[in-house]
Protein backbone atom coordinates (compact mmCIF):
# COMPACT_ATOMS: atom_id res chain seq x y z
CA UNK A 1 47.99 -24.15 -39.93
CA UNK A 2 49.87 -22.28 -42.70
CA UNK A 3 48.09 -19.34 -44.32
CA UNK A 4 47.79 -21.09 -47.70
CA UNK A 5 46.16 -24.05 -46.09
CA UNK A 6 43.92 -21.82 -44.14
CA UNK A 7 42.95 -19.92 -47.33
CA UNK A 8 42.01 -23.19 -49.18
CA UNK A 9 39.96 -24.46 -46.38
CA UNK A 10 38.19 -21.06 -46.02
CA UNK A 11 37.36 -21.02 -49.76
CA UNK A 12 36.24 -24.74 -49.45
CA UNK A 13 33.94 -24.07 -46.64
CA UNK A 14 32.77 -20.85 -48.52
CA UNK A 15 31.97 -22.76 -51.68
CA UNK A 16 30.29 -25.61 -49.87
CA UNK A 17 28.15 -22.72 -48.01
CA UNK A 18 26.92 -21.45 -51.50
CA UNK A 19 26.18 -24.76 -53.02
CA UNK A 20 24.15 -25.66 -49.76
CA UNK A 21 22.32 -22.12 -49.48
CA UNK A 22 19.30 -23.25 -51.34
CA UNK A 23 18.70 -26.77 -49.74
CA UNK A 24 20.06 -26.25 -46.17
CA UNK A 25 20.40 -22.52 -45.51
CA UNK A 26 21.08 -23.15 -41.66
CA UNK A 27 24.06 -25.37 -42.65
CA UNK A 28 25.22 -22.70 -45.24
CA UNK A 29 25.20 -20.33 -42.59
CA UNK A 30 26.79 -22.33 -40.17
CA UNK A 31 29.80 -22.99 -42.54
CA UNK A 32 30.10 -19.20 -43.26
CA UNK A 33 29.99 -18.45 -39.31
CA UNK A 34 32.85 -21.02 -39.03
CA UNK A 35 35.11 -19.02 -41.08
CA UNK A 36 34.10 -15.70 -39.39
CA UNK A 37 34.52 -17.26 -35.84
CA UNK A 38 38.28 -17.56 -36.97
CA UNK A 39 38.58 -14.28 -38.91
CA UNK A 40 35.54 -11.90 -38.19
CA UNK A 41 36.46 -9.28 -40.80
CA UNK A 42 37.39 -11.63 -43.37
CA UNK A 43 35.98 -9.75 -46.42
CA UNK A 44 35.32 -13.02 -48.70
CA UNK A 45 33.38 -14.47 -45.61
CA UNK A 46 31.33 -11.55 -45.16
CA UNK A 47 30.39 -11.61 -48.93
CA UNK A 48 29.81 -14.99 -48.69
CA UNK A 49 27.44 -14.70 -46.03
CA UNK A 50 25.50 -12.01 -47.79
CA UNK A 51 25.26 -14.28 -50.84
CA UNK A 52 23.70 -16.90 -48.73
CA UNK A 53 21.37 -14.53 -47.11
CA UNK A 54 20.12 -13.62 -50.78
CA UNK A 55 19.31 -17.23 -51.11
CA UNK A 56 17.73 -17.59 -47.76
CA UNK A 57 15.64 -14.37 -48.34
CA UNK A 58 14.58 -15.58 -51.81
CA UNK A 59 12.99 -18.66 -50.09
CA UNK A 60 11.36 -16.81 -47.29
CA UNK A 61 7.64 -16.57 -47.44
CA UNK A 62 7.37 -13.72 -44.93
CA UNK A 63 7.95 -10.41 -46.97
CA UNK A 64 8.69 -8.54 -43.82
CA UNK A 65 11.41 -11.00 -42.79
CA UNK A 66 12.69 -11.19 -46.54
CA UNK A 67 13.12 -7.40 -46.46
CA UNK A 68 15.30 -7.58 -43.41
CA UNK A 69 17.34 -10.49 -44.96
CA UNK A 70 17.79 -8.65 -48.11
CA UNK A 71 19.03 -5.64 -46.33
CA UNK A 72 21.36 -7.62 -44.30
CA UNK A 73 22.70 -9.19 -47.57
CA UNK A 74 23.00 -5.97 -49.11
CA UNK A 75 25.23 -4.37 -46.32
CA UNK A 76 27.53 -7.36 -46.53
CA UNK A 77 27.63 -7.40 -50.15
CA UNK A 78 28.38 -3.80 -50.58
CA UNK A 79 31.79 -4.09 -48.64
CA UNK A 80 34.46 -4.00 -51.44
CA UNK A 81 31.96 -4.88 -54.20
CA UNK A 82 31.43 -3.44 -57.71
CA UNK A 83 28.06 -2.35 -58.85
CA UNK A 84 28.04 -5.11 -61.41
CA UNK A 85 28.39 -7.86 -58.64
CA UNK A 86 25.47 -10.44 -59.32
CA UNK A 87 24.95 -11.17 -55.82
CA UNK A 88 24.46 -7.60 -55.00
CA UNK A 89 22.34 -6.95 -57.80
CA UNK A 90 20.00 -10.02 -56.78
CA UNK A 91 19.70 -8.75 -53.34
CA UNK A 92 18.79 -5.26 -54.40
CA UNK A 93 16.04 -6.82 -56.81
CA UNK A 94 14.80 -9.12 -54.12
CA UNK A 95 14.80 -6.22 -51.58
CA UNK A 96 12.81 -4.18 -53.96
CA UNK A 97 10.31 -6.73 -54.86
CA UNK A 98 9.74 -7.84 -50.88
CA UNK A 99 9.28 -4.03 -50.22
CA UNK A 100 6.44 -4.03 -52.65
CA UNK A 101 4.62 -7.10 -51.23
CA UNK A 102 1.33 -6.17 -49.39
CA UNK A 103 2.19 -8.23 -46.37
CA UNK A 104 5.61 -6.49 -45.92
CA UNK A 105 5.93 -4.34 -42.72
CA UNK A 106 8.92 -2.10 -44.44
């Protein structure tokens, strides 16, 4: 497979993962994992995983689990990101809100 074809396929899988994140988080994470299985250090895939994790954390009912998901998302989204990145900002807001939850273990 040529590089251009692989990049188009990667971008397609990552876009589908983002679209699926709210309705099928496991499927979304599986699509991202398929990209990372081919290129474990692919920055776009790592950041997409972080963005999907924000959606997963947003839907998480257990504040302690949400804190962990947001923290992982922040770590992934900070890679090569600027502070104005909307996914990073959402992860940081979500993390702060989850930490304030009375049931949170963090």
